[in-house]
């Protein structure tokens, strides 16, 4: 374990007492903390400049480049937390899965997993497989100072969906066919992915991240009953695996309004909410004992500054009685977002919630 992380998982006092970590722990904060999913990259011209000519997955393996991209939104927007620049398929690539991220398409897998024999592709992930992650996080924690760094991983269901479909899917027909048609193979697949995801998060925590987020981008395609039976055990396994580190665990999925309570039950300390459910209603569905994160519609950033402030005010009003609130978008920053709109939004939230 690194010098940045004690055996309890607690961070040095300056980071531990940050507004972001206090909100995750449902403690009083000096202002509502703000960070944005996909803030590292996409909409920033400086990101496109440093990544010019470098494929996405290669860029994730260059520690100095990762550190630079991760820092860019912190410098520009003055957000309350950085999120490690990577991609949810990085650990799959690291264990030898033949995949690539195709521009305009997303992750594409050469040999989809459709049978029990295909499970052999999923070997254990070791720290040596992702040594560049440890190196990059070391660079970042040295530069970030008191600003927390969030690590992340893809959740087992979403990783399984990419592996089974062979790429992004609108209907997840192959994924659901396997889930319903061969429940034991499905359970074994998600269990293997839970092991890989847990190992990937542990590498990040032991390198010095202050919190972790589990992204389940596609799980909103499931009913609550299917989520509880077919997905929740694997997500629970991931959250249990990192519980002893004592750092906040965030769980986010898109289109998960009907799943919010179950996602909280899976073991997260903070439940991310997309823009479809107001935060006060989300709090009712999740129940007590959890902080919430969210949930401004990313598309709102394309309107006027006045309209953005009005909608942000609605989010803050809905969050007024929450036990803990981290302001975020209800999904990731859209690629053509004006970076100045994000900078103004951070300043507005900080000003409106200063205590």
Protein backbone atom coordinates (compact mmCIF):
# COMPACT_ATOMS: atom_id res chain seq x y z
CA UNK A 1 0.00 0.00 0.00
CA UNK A 2 1.37 3.41 -0.94
CA UNK A 3 2.30 6.20 1.39
CA UNK A 4 -0.79 8.03 0.18
CA UNK A 5 -3.13 5.42 1.62
CA UNK A 6 -3.04 4.17 5.17
CA UNK A 7 -4.22 0.69 6.14
CA UNK A 8 -7.69 2.10 6.86
CA UNK A 9 -7.89 3.57 3.38
CA UNK A 10 -8.13 7.09 4.80
CA UNK A 11 -6.32 9.83 2.93
CA UNK A 12 -4.03 12.52 4.36
CA UNK A 13 -6.01 15.11 6.33
CA UNK A 14 -6.04 17.80 3.61
CA UNK A 15 -7.69 15.41 1.16
CA UNK A 16 -9.79 13.63 3.77
CA UNK A 17 -11.35 16.94 4.80
CA UNK A 18 -12.17 18.02 1.24
CA UNK A 19 -15.74 19.06 0.42
CA UNK A 20 -16.10 16.12 -1.97
CA UNK A 21 -15.16 13.43 0.54
CA UNK A 22 -17.17 15.09 3.31
CA UNK A 23 -20.28 15.05 1.08
CA UNK A 24 -19.68 11.39 0.23
CA UNK A 25 -19.53 10.67 3.98
CA UNK A 26 -22.72 12.71 4.53
CA UNK A 27 -20.90 15.26 6.69
CA UNK A 28 -21.38 19.08 6.69
CA UNK A 29 -19.60 20.77 3.77
CA UNK A 30 -18.37 24.34 3.13
CA UNK A 31 -20.11 24.25 -0.25
CA UNK A 32 -21.71 21.61 -2.48
CA UNK A 33 -18.81 19.88 -4.25
CA UNK A 34 -18.84 19.59 -8.03
CA UNK A 35 -17.20 17.29 -10.53
CA UNK A 36 -18.35 16.02 -13.92
CA UNK A 37 -18.36 12.56 -15.41
CA UNK A 38 -16.17 12.60 -18.55
CA UNK A 39 -14.68 15.92 -17.45
CA UNK A 40 -11.22 14.57 -18.32
CA UNK A 41 -11.14 14.99 -22.08
CA UNK A 42 -13.79 15.17 -24.78
CA UNK A 43 -14.87 18.81 -24.62
CA UNK A 44 -11.48 20.40 -23.90
CA UNK A 45 -9.35 21.72 -26.75
CA UNK A 46 -6.21 21.10 -24.70
CA UNK A 47 -7.24 17.44 -24.45
CA UNK A 48 -7.55 17.04 -28.20
CA UNK A 49 -4.19 18.74 -28.65
CA UNK A 50 -2.23 16.41 -26.33
CA UNK A 51 -4.02 13.29 -27.65
CA UNK A 52 -3.63 14.13 -31.34
CA UNK A 53 -2.65 11.02 -33.27
CA UNK A 54 -2.72 8.75 -30.19
CA UNK A 55 -5.36 5.98 -30.11
CA UNK A 56 -7.62 5.98 -27.06
CA UNK A 57 -6.41 2.75 -25.48
CA UNK A 58 -2.78 3.66 -26.04
CA UNK A 59 -3.34 7.02 -24.38
CA UNK A 60 -4.59 5.19 -21.28
CA UNK A 61 -1.23 3.41 -20.93
CA UNK A 62 0.98 6.53 -20.95
CA UNK A 63 1.29 7.72 -17.33
CA UNK A 64 2.42 11.27 -18.04
CA UNK A 65 -0.33 11.74 -20.64
CA UNK A 66 -2.94 10.28 -18.30
CA UNK A 67 -1.83 12.65 -15.54
CA UNK A 68 -1.95 15.67 -17.85
CA UNK A 69 -5.44 14.85 -19.16
CA UNK A 70 -6.75 14.15 -15.65
CA UNK A 71 -5.43 17.52 -14.43
CA UNK A 72 -6.81 19.62 -17.28
CA UNK A 73 -10.39 20.04 -15.97
CA UNK A 74 -9.11 20.62 -12.43
CA UNK A 75 -7.00 23.53 -13.65
CA UNK A 76 -9.67 24.93 -15.97
CA UNK A 77 -12.93 24.39 -14.09
CA UNK A 78 -11.75 24.35 -10.44
CA UNK A 79 -13.80 21.19 -9.81
CA UNK A 80 -13.71 19.61 -6.35
CA UNK A 81 -12.39 16.24 -7.51
CA UNK A 82 -10.40 14.79 -10.39
CA UNK A 83 -11.38 11.57 -12.08
CA UNK A 84 -8.66 9.29 -13.37
CA UNK A 85 -8.50 9.34 -17.17
CA UNK A 86 -9.04 5.83 -18.49
CA UNK A 87 -11.72 3.67 -20.07
CA UNK A 88 -13.86 0.91 -18.61
CA UNK A 89 -12.42 -1.66 -21.04
CA UNK A 90 -8.79 -1.02 -20.01
CA UNK A 91 -8.63 -4.01 -17.61
CA UNK A 92 -10.07 -6.28 -20.32
CA UNK A 93 -7.42 -5.14 -22.77
CA UNK A 94 -4.79 -5.60 -20.05
CA UNK A 95 -5.62 -9.29 -19.63
CA UNK A 96 -5.36 -9.93 -23.36
CA UNK A 97 -8.89 -9.52 -24.70
CA UNK A 98 -8.67 -8.62 -28.39
CA UNK A 99 -10.56 -5.33 -28.45
CA UNK A 100 -10.23 -1.79 -29.68
CA UNK A 101 -12.10 1.47 -29.26
CA UNK A 102 -13.31 2.52 -32.69
CA UNK A 103 -13.85 6.28 -33.12
CA UNK A 104 -17.55 7.04 -33.35
CA UNK A 105 -18.46 3.48 -32.37
CA UNK A 106 -16.94 2.53 -29.02
CA UNK A 107 -15.34 -0.69 -27.76
CA UNK A 108 -15.36 -3.51 -30.32
CA UNK A 109 -14.45 -7.06 -29.27
CA UNK A 110 -12.95 -9.38 -31.91
CA UNK A 111 -14.11 -12.66 -30.32
CA UNK A 112 -17.34 -12.21 -28.32
CA UNK A 113 -18.00 -14.46 -25.35
CA UNK A 114 -20.93 -16.72 -26.16
CA UNK A 115 -19.96 -20.14 -24.68
CA UNK A 116 -18.35 -21.65 -21.60
CA UNK A 117 -15.14 -22.25 -23.52
CA UNK A 118 -14.94 -18.52 -24.20
CA UNK A 119 -14.56 -17.85 -20.46
CA UNK A 120 -10.93 -18.93 -20.78
CA UNK A 121 -10.25 -15.48 -22.24
CA UNK A 122 -10.87 -13.96 -18.80
CA UNK A 123 -7.72 -14.61 -16.77
CA UNK A 124 -6.93 -12.88 -13.47
CA UNK A 125 -5.76 -9.26 -13.54
CA UNK A 126 -2.50 -8.55 -11.70
CA UNK A 127 -0.97 -5.19 -10.70
CA UNK A 128 1.81 -5.81 -13.22
CA UNK A 129 -0.78 -5.88 -16.01
CA UNK A 130 -1.63 -2.25 -15.28
CA UNK A 131 1.61 -0.88 -13.83
CA UNK A 132 1.01 2.30 -15.84
CA UNK A 133 -2.07 2.95 -13.65
CA UNK A 134 0.01 2.86 -10.48
CA UNK A 135 2.59 5.16 -12.04
CA UNK A 136 0.02 7.67 -13.30
CA UNK A 137 -1.80 7.82 -9.96
CA UNK A 138 1.51 8.46 -8.22
CA UNK A 139 2.11 11.43 -10.52
CA UNK A 140 -1.40 12.71 -9.93
CA UNK A 141 -1.53 12.49 -6.15
CA UNK A 142 1.73 14.43 -6.02
CA UNK A 143 0.28 17.21 -8.19
CA UNK A 144 -3.31 17.31 -6.91
CA UNK A 145 -2.45 18.15 -3.32
CA UNK A 146 -5.69 18.39 -1.37
CA UNK A 147 -7.93 17.69 -4.38
CA UNK A 148 -9.26 14.11 -4.25
CA UNK A 149 -8.72 11.71 -7.12
CA UNK A 150 -11.55 9.36 -8.09
CA UNK A 151 -10.70 5.95 -9.51
CA UNK A 152 -13.22 3.95 -11.46
CA UNK A 153 -14.10 0.74 -13.22
CA UNK A 154 -16.84 -0.68 -15.37
CA UNK A 155 -19.40 -2.80 -13.56
CA UNK A 156 -19.67 -6.52 -14.37
CA UNK A 157 -22.95 -6.21 -16.29
CA UNK A 158 -21.74 -3.46 -18.59
CA UNK A 159 -18.43 -5.23 -19.25
CA UNK A 160 -20.34 -8.44 -19.94
CA UNK A 161 -22.59 -6.62 -22.38
CA UNK A 162 -19.61 -5.43 -24.43
CA UNK A 163 -18.00 -8.87 -24.32
CA UNK A 164 -21.14 -10.77 -25.31
CA UNK A 165 -22.43 -8.33 -27.93
CA UNK A 166 -19.00 -7.67 -29.38
CA UNK A 167 -19.56 -3.92 -29.07
CA UNK A 168 -22.16 -1.33 -28.12
CA UNK A 169 -25.75 -2.50 -28.45
CA UNK A 170 -29.11 -0.74 -28.41
CA UNK A 171 -31.19 -3.77 -27.40
CA UNK A 172 -28.64 -6.09 -25.73
CA UNK A 173 -30.28 -9.07 -27.39
CA UNK A 174 -27.27 -11.39 -27.20
CA UNK A 175 -26.60 -10.38 -23.60
CA UNK A 176 -30.16 -11.09 -22.53
CA UNK A 177 -30.26 -14.31 -24.55
CA UNK A 178 -27.27 -15.60 -22.59
CA UNK A 179 -28.58 -14.30 -19.27
CA UNK A 180 -31.96 -16.00 -19.69
CA UNK A 181 -30.85 -19.02 -21.73
CA UNK A 182 -27.84 -20.16 -19.70
CA UNK A 183 -28.15 -18.68 -16.20
CA UNK A 184 -25.16 -20.62 -14.83
CA UNK A 185 -22.82 -19.49 -17.58
CA UNK A 186 -24.07 -15.94 -17.10
CA UNK A 187 -23.45 -16.10 -13.35
CA UNK A 188 -19.95 -17.48 -13.92
CA UNK A 189 -19.20 -14.76 -16.46
CA UNK A 190 -20.27 -11.97 -14.11
CA UNK A 191 -18.39 -13.53 -11.22
CA UNK A 192 -15.17 -13.59 -13.27
CA UNK A 193 -15.72 -9.98 -14.27
CA UNK A 194 -16.36 -9.05 -10.63
CA UNK A 195 -12.96 -10.52 -9.75
CA UNK A 196 -11.24 -8.56 -12.54
CA UNK A 197 -13.04 -5.35 -11.64
CA UNK A 198 -12.21 -5.75 -7.96
CA UNK A 199 -8.53 -6.27 -8.76
CA UNK A 200 -8.50 -3.19 -10.98
CA UNK A 201 -10.08 -1.02 -8.28
CA UNK A 202 -7.66 -2.32 -5.66
CA UNK A 203 -4.70 -1.30 -7.83
CA UNK A 204 -6.10 2.23 -8.02
CA UNK A 205 -6.87 2.44 -4.30
CA UNK A 206 -3.48 1.15 -3.25
CA UNK A 207 -1.86 3.68 -5.59
CA UNK A 208 -3.65 6.51 -3.80
CA UNK A 209 -7.13 7.35 -5.15
CA UNK A 210 -9.52 8.85 -2.60
CA UNK A 211 -12.79 7.34 -3.87
CA UNK A 212 -13.95 4.92 -6.56
CA UNK A 213 -16.92 4.87 -8.91
CA UNK A 214 -18.44 1.81 -10.49
CA UNK A 215 -20.01 2.62 -13.87
CA UNK A 216 -22.88 0.39 -14.97
CA UNK A 217 -23.65 2.25 -18.17
CA UNK A 218 -26.06 -0.29 -19.69
CA UNK A 219 -27.79 -1.78 -16.65
CA UNK A 220 -30.84 0.44 -17.15
CA UNK A 221 -31.84 -2.06 -19.84
CA UNK A 222 -32.93 -4.49 -17.09
CA UNK A 223 -36.03 -4.82 -14.93
CA UNK A 224 -35.63 -4.66 -11.15
CA UNK A 225 -36.29 -8.41 -10.84
CA UNK A 226 -33.63 -9.26 -13.41
CA UNK A 227 -31.17 -6.85 -11.81
CA UNK A 228 -31.64 -8.38 -8.36
CA UNK A 229 -31.31 -11.96 -9.60
CA UNK A 230 -28.77 -11.68 -12.40
CA UNK A 231 -26.57 -8.64 -11.71
CA UNK A 232 -26.71 -7.52 -8.11
CA UNK A 233 -24.62 -10.41 -6.68
CA UNK A 234 -21.66 -9.46 -8.89
CA UNK A 235 -21.91 -5.75 -8.09
CA UNK A 236 -22.15 -6.59 -4.39
CA UNK A 237 -19.00 -8.67 -4.69
CA UNK A 238 -17.09 -5.72 -6.15
CA UNK A 239 -18.21 -3.31 -3.44
CA UNK A 240 -17.43 -5.82 -0.68
CA UNK A 241 -13.96 -6.38 -2.10
CA UNK A 242 -12.94 -2.76 -1.50
CA UNK A 243 -14.97 -2.05 1.63
CA UNK A 244 -12.03 -2.55 3.99
CA UNK A 245 -10.15 0.37 2.42
CA UNK A 246 -12.64 2.77 4.00
CA UNK A 247 -12.97 5.14 1.04
CA UNK A 248 -16.27 6.24 -0.57
CA UNK A 249 -17.74 3.92 -3.18
CA UNK A 250 -19.99 5.47 -5.82
CA UNK A 251 -22.40 3.56 -8.05
CA UNK A 252 -23.75 5.06 -11.27
CA UNK A 253 -25.87 3.80 -14.13
CA UNK A 254 -27.90 5.53 -16.83
CA UNK A 255 -31.63 4.97 -17.15
CA UNK A 256 -31.72 3.38 -13.71
CA UNK A 257 -34.64 5.22 -12.10
CA UNK A 258 -36.38 1.93 -11.33
CA UNK A 259 -33.15 0.39 -10.00
CA UNK A 260 -31.95 3.13 -7.64
CA UNK A 261 -32.95 1.37 -4.44
CA UNK A 262 -31.32 -1.89 -5.54
CA UNK A 263 -28.15 -0.10 -6.65
CA UNK A 264 -27.91 1.37 -3.17
CA UNK A 265 -28.43 -2.06 -1.66
CA UNK A 266 -25.55 -3.39 -3.75
CA UNK A 267 -23.16 -1.65 -1.38
CA UNK A 268 -22.38 1.86 -2.58
CA UNK A 269 -21.93 4.77 -0.19
CA UNK A 270 -23.04 7.22 -2.88
CA UNK A 271 -25.66 6.54 -5.55
CA UNK A 272 -25.36 8.44 -8.82
CA UNK A 273 -28.65 9.61 -10.33
CA UNK A 274 -29.24 10.49 -13.97
CA UNK A 275 -31.39 13.47 -14.98
CA UNK A 276 -34.65 11.53 -15.34
CA UNK A 277 -35.45 11.36 -11.61
CA UNK A 278 -35.41 14.44 -9.33
CA UNK A 279 -32.97 14.07 -6.45
CA UNK A 280 -35.63 14.32 -3.74
CA UNK A 281 -37.54 11.45 -5.36
CA UNK A 282 -34.30 9.55 -5.85
CA UNK A 283 -33.58 9.90 -2.14
CA UNK A 284 -36.96 8.36 -1.36
CA UNK A 285 -36.23 5.41 -3.64
CA UNK A 286 -32.69 4.86 -2.35
CA UNK A 287 -33.58 5.27 1.32
CA UNK A 288 -31.54 6.67 4.21
CA UNK A 289 -27.85 6.20 4.80
CA UNK A 290 -26.62 7.07 1.29
CA UNK A 291 -25.35 10.26 -0.30
CA UNK A 292 -26.54 11.08 -3.81
CA UNK A 293 -24.64 12.37 -6.83
CA UNK A 294 -26.11 14.28 -9.77
CA UNK A 295 -28.02 15.21 -11.74
CA UNK A 296 -28.17 18.06 -14.27
CA UNK A 297 -29.07 17.02 -17.82
CA UNK A 298 -25.83 17.35 -19.86
CA UNK A 299 -27.81 18.80 -22.79
CA UNK A 300 -28.81 21.82 -20.70
CA UNK A 301 -25.26 23.12 -21.01
CA UNK A 302 -26.03 24.00 -24.64
CA UNK A 303 -28.54 26.69 -23.69
CA UNK A 304 -28.00 30.18 -22.26
CA UNK A 305 -26.06 30.78 -19.02
CA UNK A 306 -29.26 32.03 -17.41
CA UNK A 307 -31.15 28.87 -18.30
CA UNK A 308 -28.28 26.70 -17.05
CA UNK A 309 -28.37 28.51 -13.71
CA UNK A 310 -32.14 28.08 -13.48
CA UNK A 311 -31.92 24.33 -14.05
CA UNK A 312 -28.93 24.01 -11.71
CA UNK A 313 -30.95 25.82 -9.06
CA UNK A 314 -33.70 23.22 -9.48
CA UNK A 315 -31.16 20.45 -8.84
CA UNK A 316 -29.84 22.23 -5.74
CA UNK A 317 -33.37 22.82 -4.43
CA UNK A 318 -34.24 19.14 -4.90
CA UNK A 319 -31.05 18.25 -3.01
CA UNK A 320 -31.68 20.67 -0.14
CA UNK A 321 -32.65 17.99 2.38
CA UNK A 322 -30.31 15.22 1.29
CA UNK A 323 -27.92 13.65 3.77
CA UNK A 324 -25.07 14.31 1.33
CA UNK A 325 -24.97 15.70 -2.19
CA UNK A 326 -22.25 15.79 -4.84
CA UNK A 327 -23.29 17.98 -7.77
CA UNK A 328 -22.70 16.33 -11.14
CA UNK A 329 -24.33 15.88 -14.49
CA UNK A 330 -26.85 13.12 -14.96
CA UNK A 331 -24.40 11.50 -17.37
CA UNK A 332 -21.09 12.41 -18.99
CA UNK A 333 -20.03 15.70 -20.55
CA UNK A 334 -21.08 15.71 -24.21
CA UNK A 335 -18.17 16.12 -26.65
CA UNK A 336 -19.30 19.45 -28.15
CA UNK A 337 -20.03 21.13 -24.80
CA UNK A 338 -18.58 24.63 -24.42
CA UNK A 339 -15.92 24.28 -21.70
CA UNK A 340 -16.76 27.77 -20.43
CA UNK A 341 -20.27 26.56 -19.61
CA UNK A 342 -18.77 23.98 -17.26
CA UNK A 343 -16.49 26.56 -15.63
CA UNK A 344 -19.45 28.90 -15.05
CA UNK A 345 -21.53 26.05 -13.63
CA UNK A 346 -18.89 25.13 -11.06
CA UNK A 347 -18.63 28.76 -9.95
CA UNK A 348 -22.41 29.08 -9.74
CA UNK A 349 -22.83 25.98 -7.57
CA UNK A 350 -19.98 27.01 -5.29
CA UNK A 351 -21.36 30.54 -4.91
CA UNK A 352 -24.95 29.44 -4.33
CA UNK A 353 -24.07 26.84 -1.71
CA UNK A 354 -21.25 28.55 0.21
CA UNK A 355 -21.85 28.20 3.93
